[in-house]
Amino acid sequence: MGDTGRVIVVSGPSGVGKGTVIKELQKLHDNSARSVSVTSRKPRIGEIEGVHYFFKSKSEFEEMIEDDQFIEWDVFVGNYYGTSRSYIERLLAEGKDALLDITYKGAFNIRENFPECILVFVLPPSFAELKRRLVARGTESADEIEKRMLTAESEIEYINRFDYYVINDDARLAAERLRSFIVAEECRINDNVGNITGKIIGNIHGKERGLYNT
């Protein structure tokens, strides 16, 4: 992809640990930046504006939709979530790989805009563990947790439309696998391979001409 970055989408059920895996991936992949999504939900304790999310009111978010400021947006458990078009374009122009933590619907919308993006689905080791993580997070009521568990079941049904999956039993190991997916995609044979082989062949011929001249 030349000097332009790549879009890497990480999706999966709420509570599966997508954010933690992305943090670990950034330690392994220096040339990457986590996309900060826009949301209409209220901040949780410890969340910082512009670091975890860009927090907007429902009306502000809807105005952004009308102005076509999102590459993708979705409604999840009654709240808006979206990815800023200008934010992603800036990261890619800087040559960074943009890491997106979004829903499966958002992932499919991203693919329409960026066909060469990588879609990765993160699975929990078990549904019992997923529920344990949601309860331990302490940010949702019992009813909200049940809604998220039901949503998780429906989300997993779409896994066949993703490129890769990873089970998040250990965040570090999951990040290492995710990094291997990125390397595999960088080595995939595509329309740009001619530029690479052309340079290699050109270098060989250049060295041969140098030898003959001596």
N, C-alpha and C. Protein backbone atom coordinates (compact mmCIF):
# COMPACT_ATOMS: atom_id res chain seq x y z
N MET A 1 0.80 -1.20 0.00
CA MET A 1 0.00 0.00 0.00
C MET A 1 0.84 1.27 0.00
N GLY A 2 2.11 1.12 -0.25
CA GLY A 2 2.98 2.28 -0.34
C GLY A 2 3.15 2.94 1.01
N ASP A 3 3.16 4.30 1.02
CA ASP A 3 3.34 5.04 2.25
C ASP A 3 2.02 5.27 2.99
N THR A 4 0.93 4.80 2.44
CA THR A 4 -0.37 4.97 3.06
C THR A 4 -0.63 3.84 4.02
N GLY A 5 -1.25 4.18 5.17
CA GLY A 5 -1.54 3.16 6.16
C GLY A 5 -2.68 2.24 5.75
N ARG A 6 -2.92 1.25 6.56
CA ARG A 6 -3.97 0.26 6.32
C ARG A 6 -5.00 0.35 7.44
N VAL A 7 -6.24 0.04 7.15
CA VAL A 7 -7.30 0.02 8.16
C VAL A 7 -7.44 -1.40 8.69
N ILE A 8 -7.35 -1.54 10.01
CA ILE A 8 -7.48 -2.84 10.67
C ILE A 8 -8.66 -2.76 11.63
N VAL A 9 -9.68 -3.55 11.36
CA VAL A 9 -10.90 -3.52 12.16
C VAL A 9 -10.93 -4.70 13.13
N VAL A 10 -11.15 -4.38 14.41
CA VAL A 10 -11.26 -5.40 15.44
C VAL A 10 -12.68 -5.36 16.00
N SER A 11 -13.41 -6.44 15.78
CA SER A 11 -14.80 -6.52 16.24
C SER A 11 -14.98 -7.71 17.17
N GLY A 12 -16.11 -7.73 17.85
CA GLY A 12 -16.40 -8.83 18.76
C GLY A 12 -17.40 -8.40 19.80
N PRO A 13 -17.89 -9.33 20.60
CA PRO A 13 -18.89 -9.00 21.61
C PRO A 13 -18.37 -8.00 22.65
N SER A 14 -19.28 -7.24 23.21
CA SER A 14 -18.93 -6.33 24.30
C SER A 14 -18.39 -7.13 25.47
N GLY A 15 -17.25 -6.69 26.02
CA GLY A 15 -16.64 -7.38 27.15
C GLY A 15 -15.62 -8.42 26.77
N VAL A 16 -15.42 -8.65 25.46
CA VAL A 16 -14.48 -9.69 25.03
C VAL A 16 -13.03 -9.25 25.20
N GLY A 17 -12.82 -7.94 25.36
CA GLY A 17 -11.45 -7.45 25.59
C GLY A 17 -10.78 -6.89 24.35
N LYS A 18 -11.57 -6.35 23.44
CA LYS A 18 -11.01 -5.80 22.19
C LYS A 18 -10.03 -4.67 22.47
N GLY A 19 -10.41 -3.77 23.37
CA GLY A 19 -9.54 -2.64 23.69
C GLY A 19 -8.21 -3.07 24.27
N THR A 20 -8.23 -4.07 25.13
CA THR A 20 -7.00 -4.57 25.75
C THR A 20 -6.10 -5.23 24.70
N VAL A 21 -6.71 -5.98 23.79
CA VAL A 21 -5.92 -6.61 22.72
C VAL A 21 -5.28 -5.55 21.84
N ILE A 22 -6.03 -4.49 21.53
CA ILE A 22 -5.49 -3.41 20.69
C ILE A 22 -4.32 -2.73 21.39
N LYS A 23 -4.43 -2.51 22.70
CA LYS A 23 -3.32 -1.91 23.45
C LYS A 23 -2.06 -2.77 23.37
N GLU A 24 -2.24 -4.08 23.50
CA GLU A 24 -1.10 -4.99 23.40
C GLU A 24 -0.54 -5.00 21.99
N LEU A 25 -1.41 -4.91 21.00
CA LEU A 25 -0.96 -4.89 19.60
C LEU A 25 -0.10 -3.66 19.33
N GLN A 26 -0.47 -2.53 19.89
CA GLN A 26 0.29 -1.30 19.67
C GLN A 26 1.71 -1.40 20.21
N LYS A 27 1.92 -2.23 21.22
CA LYS A 27 3.27 -2.46 21.75
C LYS A 27 4.11 -3.25 20.76
N LEU A 28 3.43 -4.07 19.94
CA LEU A 28 4.12 -4.92 18.97
C LEU A 28 4.22 -4.27 17.59
N HIS A 29 3.34 -3.31 17.34
CA HIS A 29 3.22 -2.70 16.01
C HIS A 29 3.32 -1.18 16.17
N ASP A 30 4.56 -0.68 16.11
CA ASP A 30 4.81 0.74 16.38
C ASP A 30 4.06 1.67 15.42
N ASN A 31 3.98 1.26 14.18
CA ASN A 31 3.40 2.13 13.16
C ASN A 31 1.88 1.98 13.10
N SER A 32 1.25 2.13 14.26
CA SER A 32 -0.21 2.00 14.31
C SER A 32 -0.77 3.01 15.30
N ALA A 33 -2.04 3.31 15.13
CA ALA A 33 -2.71 4.26 16.02
C ALA A 33 -4.16 3.81 16.19
N ARG A 34 -4.62 3.82 17.41
CA ARG A 34 -6.00 3.42 17.69
C ARG A 34 -6.95 4.54 17.31
N SER A 35 -7.93 4.21 16.52
CA SER A 35 -8.95 5.19 16.15
C SER A 35 -9.82 5.48 17.36
N VAL A 36 -10.10 6.74 17.60
CA VAL A 36 -10.96 7.13 18.70
C VAL A 36 -12.36 7.37 18.14
N SER A 37 -13.30 6.55 18.55
CA SER A 37 -14.67 6.63 18.04
C SER A 37 -15.44 7.77 18.69
N VAL A 38 -16.53 8.13 18.04
CA VAL A 38 -17.46 9.13 18.56
C VAL A 38 -18.66 8.38 19.12
N THR A 39 -19.17 8.80 20.28
CA THR A 39 -20.33 8.12 20.86
C THR A 39 -21.27 9.11 21.53
N SER A 40 -22.53 8.71 21.61
CA SER A 40 -23.52 9.54 22.30
C SER A 40 -23.74 9.06 23.73
N ARG A 41 -23.09 7.97 24.13
CA ARG A 41 -23.29 7.49 25.50
C ARG A 41 -22.49 8.34 26.48
N LYS A 42 -22.87 8.26 27.74
CA LYS A 42 -22.18 9.04 28.77
C LYS A 42 -20.85 8.38 29.12
N PRO A 43 -19.85 9.19 29.49
CA PRO A 43 -18.53 8.62 29.84
C PRO A 43 -18.62 7.74 31.09
N ARG A 44 -17.86 6.65 31.07
CA ARG A 44 -17.72 5.82 32.27
C ARG A 44 -16.64 6.42 33.15
N ILE A 45 -16.58 5.99 34.37
CA ILE A 45 -15.57 6.50 35.30
C ILE A 45 -14.18 6.21 34.75
N GLY A 46 -13.35 7.24 34.67
CA GLY A 46 -11.97 7.08 34.19
C GLY A 46 -11.80 7.32 32.71
N GLU A 47 -12.88 7.40 31.95
CA GLU A 47 -12.77 7.65 30.51
C GLU A 47 -12.49 9.12 30.23
N ILE A 48 -11.59 9.36 29.27
CA ILE A 48 -11.12 10.71 28.97
C ILE A 48 -11.53 11.10 27.56
N GLU A 49 -12.05 12.31 27.42
CA GLU A 49 -12.45 12.84 26.12
C GLU A 49 -11.26 12.88 25.16
N GLY A 50 -11.44 12.32 23.97
CA GLY A 50 -10.39 12.32 22.97
C GLY A 50 -9.38 11.20 23.13
N VAL A 51 -9.46 10.47 24.23
CA VAL A 51 -8.56 9.33 24.45
C VAL A 51 -9.33 8.03 24.30
N HIS A 52 -10.43 7.91 25.03
CA HIS A 52 -11.26 6.71 24.94
C HIS A 52 -12.35 6.88 23.88
N TYR A 53 -12.99 8.03 23.89
CA TYR A 53 -14.03 8.38 22.91
C TYR A 53 -14.08 9.89 22.76
N PHE A 54 -14.77 10.32 21.69
CA PHE A 54 -15.21 11.70 21.59
C PHE A 54 -16.69 11.67 21.97
N PHE A 55 -17.03 12.27 23.10
CA PHE A 55 -18.39 12.19 23.62
C PHE A 55 -19.25 13.33 23.08
N LYS A 56 -20.39 12.94 22.50
CA LYS A 56 -21.32 13.91 21.93
C LYS A 56 -22.72 13.65 22.47
N SER A 57 -23.57 14.67 22.43
CA SER A 57 -24.97 14.45 22.76
C SER A 57 -25.64 13.76 21.58
N LYS A 58 -26.83 13.23 21.79
CA LYS A 58 -27.54 12.55 20.71
C LYS A 58 -27.78 13.50 19.54
N SER A 59 -28.17 14.73 19.84
CA SER A 59 -28.45 15.70 18.77
C SER A 59 -27.19 16.08 18.02
N GLU A 60 -26.06 16.21 18.73
CA GLU A 60 -24.78 16.52 18.07
C GLU A 60 -24.37 15.39 17.15
N PHE A 61 -24.56 14.15 17.61
CA PHE A 61 -24.21 13.00 16.79
C PHE A 61 -25.06 12.96 15.52
N GLU A 62 -26.34 13.22 15.68
CA GLU A 62 -27.24 13.20 14.53
C GLU A 62 -26.91 14.29 13.52
N GLU A 63 -26.42 15.42 14.00
CA GLU A 63 -25.98 16.49 13.09
C GLU A 63 -24.77 16.03 12.29
N MET A 64 -23.86 15.29 12.94
CA MET A 64 -22.68 14.77 12.26
C MET A 64 -23.09 13.74 11.19
N ILE A 65 -24.12 12.96 11.47
CA ILE A 65 -24.64 12.01 10.48
C ILE A 65 -25.14 12.76 9.26
N GLU A 66 -25.91 13.82 9.50
CA GLU A 66 -26.48 14.62 8.40
C GLU A 66 -25.38 15.28 7.57
N ASP A 67 -24.27 15.63 8.22
CA ASP A 67 -23.15 16.27 7.51
C ASP A 67 -22.20 15.27 6.87
N ASP A 68 -22.54 13.96 6.94
CA ASP A 68 -21.73 12.89 6.34
C ASP A 68 -20.30 12.88 6.89
N GLN A 69 -20.19 13.04 8.21
CA GLN A 69 -18.87 13.08 8.85
C GLN A 69 -18.37 11.70 9.28
N PHE A 70 -19.19 10.67 9.09
CA PHE A 70 -18.80 9.34 9.52
C PHE A 70 -18.55 8.41 8.34
N ILE A 71 -17.52 7.58 8.48
CA ILE A 71 -17.30 6.49 7.53
C ILE A 71 -18.32 5.40 7.82
N GLU A 72 -18.59 5.20 9.11
CA GLU A 72 -19.60 4.25 9.53
C GLU A 72 -20.16 4.71 10.87
N TRP A 73 -21.39 4.33 11.13
CA TRP A 73 -21.98 4.57 12.44
C TRP A 73 -23.03 3.51 12.70
N ASP A 74 -23.33 3.31 13.97
CA ASP A 74 -24.27 2.26 14.34
C ASP A 74 -24.91 2.62 15.68
N VAL A 75 -25.99 1.94 16.00
CA VAL A 75 -26.64 2.08 17.31
C VAL A 75 -26.43 0.78 18.06
N PHE A 76 -25.87 0.88 19.27
CA PHE A 76 -25.61 -0.31 20.07
C PHE A 76 -26.15 -0.06 21.48
N VAL A 77 -27.06 -0.92 21.91
CA VAL A 77 -27.70 -0.82 23.22
C VAL A 77 -28.21 0.62 23.47
N GLY A 78 -28.83 1.19 22.46
CA GLY A 78 -29.48 2.48 22.60
C GLY A 78 -28.59 3.70 22.44
N ASN A 79 -27.31 3.50 22.14
CA ASN A 79 -26.38 4.62 21.98
C ASN A 79 -25.75 4.61 20.59
N TYR A 80 -25.46 5.81 20.09
CA TYR A 80 -24.78 5.96 18.81
C TYR A 80 -23.28 5.75 18.98
N TYR A 81 -22.66 5.09 17.98
CA TYR A 81 -21.21 4.96 17.89
C TYR A 81 -20.83 5.19 16.43
N GLY A 82 -19.73 5.90 16.19
CA GLY A 82 -19.33 6.15 14.81
C GLY A 82 -17.84 6.41 14.66
N THR A 83 -17.36 6.28 13.43
CA THR A 83 -15.95 6.51 13.11
C THR A 83 -15.84 7.75 12.24
N SER A 84 -15.09 8.73 12.70
CA SER A 84 -14.94 9.99 11.97
C SER A 84 -14.15 9.80 10.69
N ARG A 85 -14.70 10.28 9.60
CA ARG A 85 -14.05 10.16 8.30
C ARG A 85 -12.71 10.90 8.29
N SER A 86 -12.71 12.14 8.75
CA SER A 86 -11.50 12.96 8.71
C SER A 86 -10.41 12.39 9.61
N TYR A 87 -10.81 11.81 10.74
CA TYR A 87 -9.84 11.25 11.69
C TYR A 87 -9.08 10.09 11.05
N ILE A 88 -9.81 9.17 10.40
CA ILE A 88 -9.18 8.02 9.77
C ILE A 88 -8.32 8.44 8.59
N GLU A 89 -8.82 9.35 7.78
CA GLU A 89 -8.06 9.80 6.62
C GLU A 89 -6.74 10.45 7.03
N ARG A 90 -6.75 11.16 8.16
CA ARG A 90 -5.52 11.78 8.65
C ARG A 90 -4.51 10.73 9.08
N LEU A 91 -4.96 9.70 9.80
CA LEU A 91 -4.05 8.63 10.23
C LEU A 91 -3.42 7.93 9.04
N LEU A 92 -4.23 7.61 8.05
CA LEU A 92 -3.73 6.91 6.87
C LEU A 92 -2.75 7.77 6.08
N ALA A 93 -3.04 9.07 5.98
CA ALA A 93 -2.15 9.99 5.26
C ALA A 93 -0.80 10.09 5.95
N GLU A 94 -0.78 9.90 7.27
CA GLU A 94 0.47 9.92 8.03
C GLU A 94 1.23 8.60 7.91
N GLY A 95 0.65 7.65 7.17
CA GLY A 95 1.30 6.36 6.97
C GLY A 95 1.10 5.38 8.11
N LYS A 96 0.14 5.66 9.00
CA LYS A 96 -0.10 4.78 10.14
C LYS A 96 -1.23 3.80 9.85
N ASP A 97 -1.12 2.62 10.44
CA ASP A 97 -2.21 1.66 10.36
C ASP A 97 -3.25 2.06 11.41
N ALA A 98 -4.49 2.26 10.96
CA ALA A 98 -5.56 2.70 11.85
C ALA A 98 -6.25 1.48 12.45
N LEU A 99 -6.29 1.39 13.79
CA LEU A 99 -6.90 0.27 14.49
C LEU A 99 -8.29 0.69 14.97
N LEU A 100 -9.32 0.02 14.47
CA LEU A 100 -10.69 0.37 14.79
C LEU A 100 -11.35 -0.69 15.65
N ASP A 101 -11.94 -0.28 16.74
CA ASP A 101 -12.71 -1.15 17.62
C ASP A 101 -14.18 -0.81 17.41
N ILE A 102 -14.85 -1.56 16.53
CA ILE A 102 -16.22 -1.22 16.15
C ILE A 102 -17.08 -2.48 16.02
N THR A 103 -18.39 -2.28 15.83
CA THR A 103 -19.32 -3.40 15.71
C THR A 103 -19.17 -4.10 14.36
N TYR A 104 -19.76 -5.28 14.25
CA TYR A 104 -19.66 -6.02 12.98
C TYR A 104 -20.34 -5.26 11.84
N LYS A 105 -21.43 -4.55 12.13
CA LYS A 105 -22.08 -3.76 11.08
C LYS A 105 -21.15 -2.65 10.59
N GLY A 106 -20.49 -1.99 11.53
CA GLY A 106 -19.53 -0.96 11.17
C GLY A 106 -18.38 -1.52 10.37
N ALA A 107 -17.95 -2.74 10.73
CA ALA A 107 -16.84 -3.39 10.01
C ALA A 107 -17.19 -3.58 8.54
N PHE A 108 -18.41 -4.00 8.27
CA PHE A 108 -18.81 -4.24 6.88
C PHE A 108 -18.92 -2.92 6.11
N ASN A 109 -19.33 -1.86 6.79
CA ASN A 109 -19.37 -0.54 6.15
C ASN A 109 -17.97 -0.03 5.84
N ILE A 110 -17.03 -0.30 6.75
CA ILE A 110 -15.64 0.09 6.52
C ILE A 110 -15.09 -0.60 5.28
N ARG A 111 -15.43 -1.88 5.11
CA ARG A 111 -14.93 -2.62 3.94
C ARG A 111 -15.41 -1.99 2.64
N GLU A 112 -16.60 -1.42 2.63
CA GLU A 112 -17.10 -0.77 1.43
C GLU A 112 -16.24 0.43 1.07
N ASN A 113 -15.73 1.14 2.09
CA ASN A 113 -14.90 2.32 1.86
C ASN A 113 -13.43 1.97 1.68
N PHE A 114 -12.98 0.90 2.35
CA PHE A 114 -11.58 0.47 2.29
C PHE A 114 -11.54 -1.03 2.01
N PRO A 115 -11.65 -1.43 0.75
CA PRO A 115 -11.70 -2.86 0.40
C PRO A 115 -10.50 -3.67 0.89
N GLU A 116 -9.35 -3.02 1.07
CA GLU A 116 -8.15 -3.76 1.47
C GLU A 116 -7.98 -3.81 2.99
N CYS A 117 -8.99 -3.39 3.72
CA CYS A 117 -8.88 -3.42 5.18
C CYS A 117 -8.85 -4.87 5.68
N ILE A 118 -8.40 -5.05 6.91
CA ILE A 118 -8.36 -6.37 7.54
C ILE A 118 -9.45 -6.42 8.60
N LEU A 119 -10.33 -7.42 8.52
CA LEU A 119 -11.40 -7.58 9.49
C LEU A 119 -11.09 -8.76 10.41
N VAL A 120 -10.98 -8.48 11.71
CA VAL A 120 -10.65 -9.51 12.69
C VAL A 120 -11.76 -9.59 13.74
N PHE A 121 -12.23 -10.80 14.00
CA PHE A 121 -13.28 -11.00 15.01
C PHE A 121 -12.65 -11.63 16.25
N VAL A 122 -12.88 -11.00 17.40
CA VAL A 122 -12.33 -11.50 18.67
C VAL A 122 -13.40 -12.30 19.40
N LEU A 123 -13.07 -13.53 19.75
CA LEU A 123 -13.98 -14.42 20.46
C LEU A 123 -13.55 -14.58 21.92
N PRO A 124 -14.50 -14.81 22.81
CA PRO A 124 -14.14 -15.13 24.20
C PRO A 124 -13.80 -16.62 24.31
N PRO A 125 -13.09 -17.03 25.35
CA PRO A 125 -12.81 -18.46 25.52
C PRO A 125 -14.11 -19.25 25.71
N SER A 126 -15.10 -18.62 26.34
CA SER A 126 -16.42 -19.23 26.55
C SER A 126 -17.42 -18.12 26.87
N PHE A 127 -18.71 -18.43 26.78
CA PHE A 127 -19.72 -17.43 27.12
C PHE A 127 -19.77 -17.19 28.62
N ALA A 128 -19.41 -18.22 29.40
CA ALA A 128 -19.35 -18.04 30.85
C ALA A 128 -18.28 -17.02 31.21
N GLU A 129 -17.14 -17.08 30.52
CA GLU A 129 -16.06 -16.12 30.76
C GLU A 129 -16.44 -14.73 30.29
N LEU A 130 -17.17 -14.66 29.18
CA LEU A 130 -17.62 -13.35 28.69
C LEU A 130 -18.53 -12.68 29.71
N LYS A 131 -19.46 -13.44 30.27
CA LYS A 131 -20.36 -12.87 31.27
C LYS A 131 -19.58 -12.46 32.52
N ARG A 132 -18.60 -13.27 32.91
CA ARG A 132 -17.78 -12.93 34.08
C ARG A 132 -17.07 -11.60 33.87
N ARG A 133 -16.55 -11.37 32.67
CA ARG A 133 -15.85 -10.13 32.38
C ARG A 133 -16.80 -8.94 32.41
N LEU A 134 -18.00 -9.12 31.89
CA LEU A 134 -18.98 -8.03 31.91
C LEU A 134 -19.38 -7.68 33.33
N VAL A 135 -19.58 -8.70 34.16
CA VAL A 135 -19.94 -8.47 35.56
C VAL A 135 -18.79 -7.79 36.29
N ALA A 136 -17.56 -8.26 36.04
CA ALA A 136 -16.38 -7.69 36.71
C ALA A 136 -16.14 -6.24 36.32
N ARG A 137 -16.56 -5.87 35.11
CA ARG A 137 -16.38 -4.49 34.65
C ARG A 137 -17.17 -3.52 35.51
N GLY A 138 -18.32 -3.98 35.98
CA GLY A 138 -19.11 -3.19 36.92
C GLY A 138 -19.71 -1.92 36.37
N THR A 139 -19.94 -1.87 35.06
CA THR A 139 -20.46 -0.64 34.44
C THR A 139 -21.89 -0.82 33.92
N GLU A 140 -22.42 -2.04 33.96
CA GLU A 140 -23.77 -2.29 33.46
C GLU A 140 -24.62 -2.98 34.52
N SER A 141 -25.91 -2.76 34.45
CA SER A 141 -26.85 -3.44 35.33
C SER A 141 -27.01 -4.89 34.87
N ALA A 142 -27.69 -5.69 35.69
CA ALA A 142 -27.92 -7.09 35.34
C ALA A 142 -28.71 -7.20 34.05
N ASP A 143 -29.70 -6.33 33.88
CA ASP A 143 -30.50 -6.35 32.65
C ASP A 143 -29.65 -6.00 31.43
N GLU A 144 -28.78 -5.00 31.58
CA GLU A 144 -27.92 -4.59 30.47
C GLU A 144 -26.95 -5.70 30.10
N ILE A 145 -26.45 -6.41 31.09
CA ILE A 145 -25.53 -7.52 30.83
C ILE A 145 -26.24 -8.62 30.04
N GLU A 146 -27.47 -8.91 30.42
CA GLU A 146 -28.23 -9.93 29.69
C GLU A 146 -28.46 -9.52 28.24
N LYS A 147 -28.74 -8.23 28.03
CA LYS A 147 -28.92 -7.73 26.66
C LYS A 147 -27.64 -7.89 25.86
N ARG A 148 -26.50 -7.60 26.49
CA ARG A 148 -25.22 -7.72 25.80
C ARG A 148 -24.89 -9.18 25.50
N MET A 149 -25.28 -10.09 26.38
CA MET A 149 -25.05 -11.51 26.13
C MET A 149 -25.89 -11.99 24.95
N LEU A 150 -27.14 -11.55 24.88
CA LEU A 150 -27.99 -11.93 23.75
C LEU A 150 -27.45 -11.33 22.44
N THR A 151 -26.98 -10.09 22.52
CA THR A 151 -26.39 -9.44 21.35
C THR A 151 -25.15 -10.19 20.89
N ALA A 152 -24.35 -10.67 21.84
CA ALA A 152 -23.13 -11.41 21.51
C ALA A 152 -23.44 -12.65 20.67
N GLU A 153 -24.51 -13.34 21.02
CA GLU A 153 -24.89 -14.54 20.27
C GLU A 153 -25.18 -14.21 18.80
N SER A 154 -25.91 -13.12 18.58
CA SER A 154 -26.25 -12.74 17.21
C SER A 154 -25.03 -12.22 16.46
N GLU A 155 -24.11 -11.55 17.16
CA GLU A 155 -22.91 -11.02 16.51
C GLU A 155 -22.03 -12.14 15.97
N ILE A 156 -21.88 -13.19 16.75
CA ILE A 156 -21.00 -14.29 16.36
C ILE A 156 -21.47 -14.98 15.08
N GLU A 157 -22.75 -14.88 14.78
CA GLU A 157 -23.28 -15.50 13.58
C GLU A 157 -22.68 -14.92 12.30
N TYR A 158 -22.08 -13.72 12.41
CA TYR A 158 -21.52 -13.04 11.23
C TYR A 158 -20.02 -13.27 11.07
N ILE A 159 -19.44 -14.15 11.86
CA ILE A 159 -17.99 -14.32 11.87
C ILE A 159 -17.45 -14.77 10.51
N ASN A 160 -18.26 -15.48 9.73
CA ASN A 160 -17.78 -15.96 8.43
C ASN A 160 -17.50 -14.85 7.43
N ARG A 161 -17.96 -13.64 7.71
CA ARG A 161 -17.72 -12.51 6.82
C ARG A 161 -16.43 -11.76 7.18
N PHE A 162 -15.73 -12.24 8.20
CA PHE A 162 -14.46 -11.63 8.61
C PHE A 162 -13.30 -12.39 7.97
N ASP A 163 -12.13 -11.75 7.98
CA ASP A 163 -10.94 -12.37 7.39
C ASP A 163 -10.26 -13.33 8.35
N TYR A 164 -10.23 -12.96 9.62
CA TYR A 164 -9.53 -13.74 10.65
C TYR A 164 -10.34 -13.72 11.94
N TYR A 165 -10.02 -14.67 12.80
CA TYR A 165 -10.57 -14.64 14.16
C TYR A 165 -9.43 -14.90 15.14
N VAL A 166 -9.63 -14.49 16.38
CA VAL A 166 -8.67 -14.79 17.43
C VAL A 166 -9.45 -14.97 18.73
N ILE A 167 -9.07 -15.95 19.54
CA ILE A 167 -9.70 -16.18 20.84
C ILE A 167 -8.91 -15.42 21.90
N ASN A 168 -9.56 -14.55 22.62
CA ASN A 168 -8.87 -13.74 23.62
C ASN A 168 -8.88 -14.44 24.98
N ASP A 169 -8.01 -15.43 25.09
CA ASP A 169 -7.80 -16.10 26.38
C ASP A 169 -6.69 -15.40 27.13
N ASP A 170 -5.73 -14.88 26.37
CA ASP A 170 -4.61 -14.10 26.90
C ASP A 170 -4.39 -12.94 25.93
N ALA A 171 -4.50 -11.71 26.43
CA ALA A 171 -4.47 -10.53 25.56
C ALA A 171 -3.16 -10.43 24.78
N ARG A 172 -2.05 -10.74 25.40
CA ARG A 172 -0.75 -10.65 24.74
C ARG A 172 -0.66 -11.65 23.58
N LEU A 173 -1.08 -12.88 23.83
CA LEU A 173 -1.05 -13.90 22.78
C LEU A 173 -2.02 -13.56 21.65
N ALA A 174 -3.17 -13.03 22.02
CA ALA A 174 -4.15 -12.62 21.01
C ALA A 174 -3.58 -11.52 20.13
N ALA A 175 -2.86 -10.57 20.76
CA ALA A 175 -2.24 -9.47 20.01
C ALA A 175 -1.15 -9.98 19.08
N GLU A 176 -0.39 -10.97 19.53
CA GLU A 176 0.66 -11.55 18.69
C GLU A 176 0.05 -12.21 17.45
N ARG A 177 -1.08 -12.87 17.63
CA ARG A 177 -1.75 -13.48 16.48
C ARG A 177 -2.27 -12.41 15.54
N LEU A 178 -2.83 -11.36 16.11
CA LEU A 178 -3.34 -10.27 15.29
C LEU A 178 -2.21 -9.64 14.49
N ARG A 179 -1.06 -9.49 15.11
CA ARG A 179 0.11 -8.95 14.42
C ARG A 179 0.53 -9.86 13.27
N SER A 180 0.41 -11.17 13.47
CA SER A 180 0.77 -12.11 12.40
C SER A 180 -0.19 -11.98 11.22
N PHE A 181 -1.45 -11.64 11.49
CA PHE A 181 -2.40 -11.44 10.39
C PHE A 181 -1.97 -10.23 9.55
N ILE A 182 -1.52 -9.18 10.22
CA ILE A 182 -1.09 -7.96 9.52
C ILE A 182 0.11 -8.26 8.64
N VAL A 183 1.08 -9.02 9.17
CA VAL A 183 2.27 -9.38 8.40
C VAL A 183 1.87 -10.21 7.19
N ALA A 184 0.95 -11.14 7.39
CA ALA A 184 0.49 -11.98 6.28
C ALA A 184 -0.13 -11.13 5.17
N GLU A 185 -0.92 -10.13 5.55
CA GLU A 185 -1.55 -9.27 4.56
C GLU A 185 -0.53 -8.40 3.84
N GLU A 186 0.52 -7.97 4.56
CA GLU A 186 1.57 -7.16 3.94
C GLU A 186 2.32 -7.97 2.88
N CYS A 187 2.35 -9.29 3.07
CA CYS A 187 3.07 -10.16 2.12
C CYS A 187 2.15 -10.78 1.07
N ARG A 188 0.88 -10.41 1.09
CA ARG A 188 -0.05 -10.96 0.12
C ARG A 188 0.29 -10.46 -1.28
N ILE A 189 0.23 -11.34 -2.27
CA ILE A 189 0.49 -10.96 -3.65
C ILE A 189 -0.72 -10.21 -4.20
N ASN A 190 -0.48 -8.98 -4.66
CA ASN A 190 -1.56 -8.16 -5.21
C ASN A 190 -1.02 -7.37 -6.40
N ASP A 191 -1.76 -6.36 -6.81
CA ASP A 191 -1.37 -5.58 -8.00
C ASP A 191 -0.06 -4.82 -7.81
N ASN A 192 0.34 -4.61 -6.55
CA ASN A 192 1.57 -3.85 -6.30
C ASN A 192 2.83 -4.70 -6.35
N VAL A 193 2.66 -6.03 -6.46
CA VAL A 193 3.84 -6.89 -6.43
C VAL A 193 4.77 -6.62 -7.61
N GLY A 194 4.22 -6.14 -8.73
CA GLY A 194 5.05 -5.82 -9.88
C GLY A 194 6.06 -4.73 -9.58
N ASN A 195 5.68 -3.76 -8.74
CA ASN A 195 6.62 -2.71 -8.35
C ASN A 195 7.78 -3.27 -7.56
N ILE A 196 7.47 -4.24 -6.68
CA ILE A 196 8.52 -4.84 -5.85
C ILE A 196 9.47 -5.67 -6.70
N THR A 197 8.91 -6.55 -7.55
CA THR A 197 9.77 -7.39 -8.37
C THR A 197 10.55 -6.55 -9.38
N GLY A 198 9.93 -5.45 -9.85
CA GLY A 198 10.63 -4.57 -10.79
C GLY A 198 11.87 -3.97 -10.18
N LYS A 199 11.76 -3.57 -8.91
CA LYS A 199 12.92 -2.99 -8.22
C LYS A 199 14.01 -4.03 -8.03
N ILE A 200 13.60 -5.25 -7.68
CA ILE A 200 14.59 -6.32 -7.46
C ILE A 200 15.33 -6.66 -8.76
N ILE A 201 14.56 -6.81 -9.83
CA ILE A 201 15.18 -7.11 -11.13
C ILE A 201 16.05 -5.97 -11.59
N GLY A 202 15.57 -4.74 -11.37
CA GLY A 202 16.35 -3.57 -11.74
C GLY A 202 17.67 -3.50 -11.00
N ASN A 203 17.64 -3.85 -9.72
CA ASN A 203 18.87 -3.85 -8.93
C ASN A 203 19.86 -4.88 -9.42
N ILE A 204 19.33 -6.05 -9.80
CA ILE A 204 20.22 -7.11 -10.31
C ILE A 204 20.90 -6.65 -11.59
N HIS A 205 20.11 -6.10 -12.52
CA HIS A 205 20.67 -5.64 -13.78
C HIS A 205 21.64 -4.50 -13.58
N GLY A 206 21.35 -3.65 -12.62
CA GLY A 206 22.24 -2.53 -12.34
C GLY A 206 23.58 -3.01 -11.83
N LYS A 207 23.55 -4.03 -10.97
CA LYS A 207 24.82 -4.57 -10.44
C LYS A 207 25.59 -5.26 -11.55
N GLU A 208 24.87 -5.98 -12.45
CA GLU A 208 25.55 -6.65 -13.54
C GLU A 208 26.23 -5.64 -14.46
N ARG A 209 25.53 -4.55 -14.75
CA ARG A 209 26.13 -3.51 -15.60
C ARG A 209 27.36 -2.93 -14.94
N GLY A 210 27.29 -2.79 -13.62
CA GLY A 210 28.46 -2.26 -12.89
C GLY A 210 29.63 -3.18 -12.98
N LEU A 211 29.37 -4.49 -12.91
CA LEU A 211 30.45 -5.47 -13.01
C LEU A 211 31.07 -5.44 -14.40
N TYR A 212 30.22 -5.35 -15.43
CA TYR A 212 30.74 -5.36 -16.79
C TYR A 212 31.58 -4.11 -17.06
N ASN A 213 31.19 -3.01 -16.45
CA ASN A 213 31.92 -1.76 -16.68
C ASN A 213 33.30 -1.78 -16.05
N THR A 214 33.46 -2.60 -15.05
CA THR A 214 34.76 -2.70 -14.43
C THR A 214 35.60 -3.68 -15.21
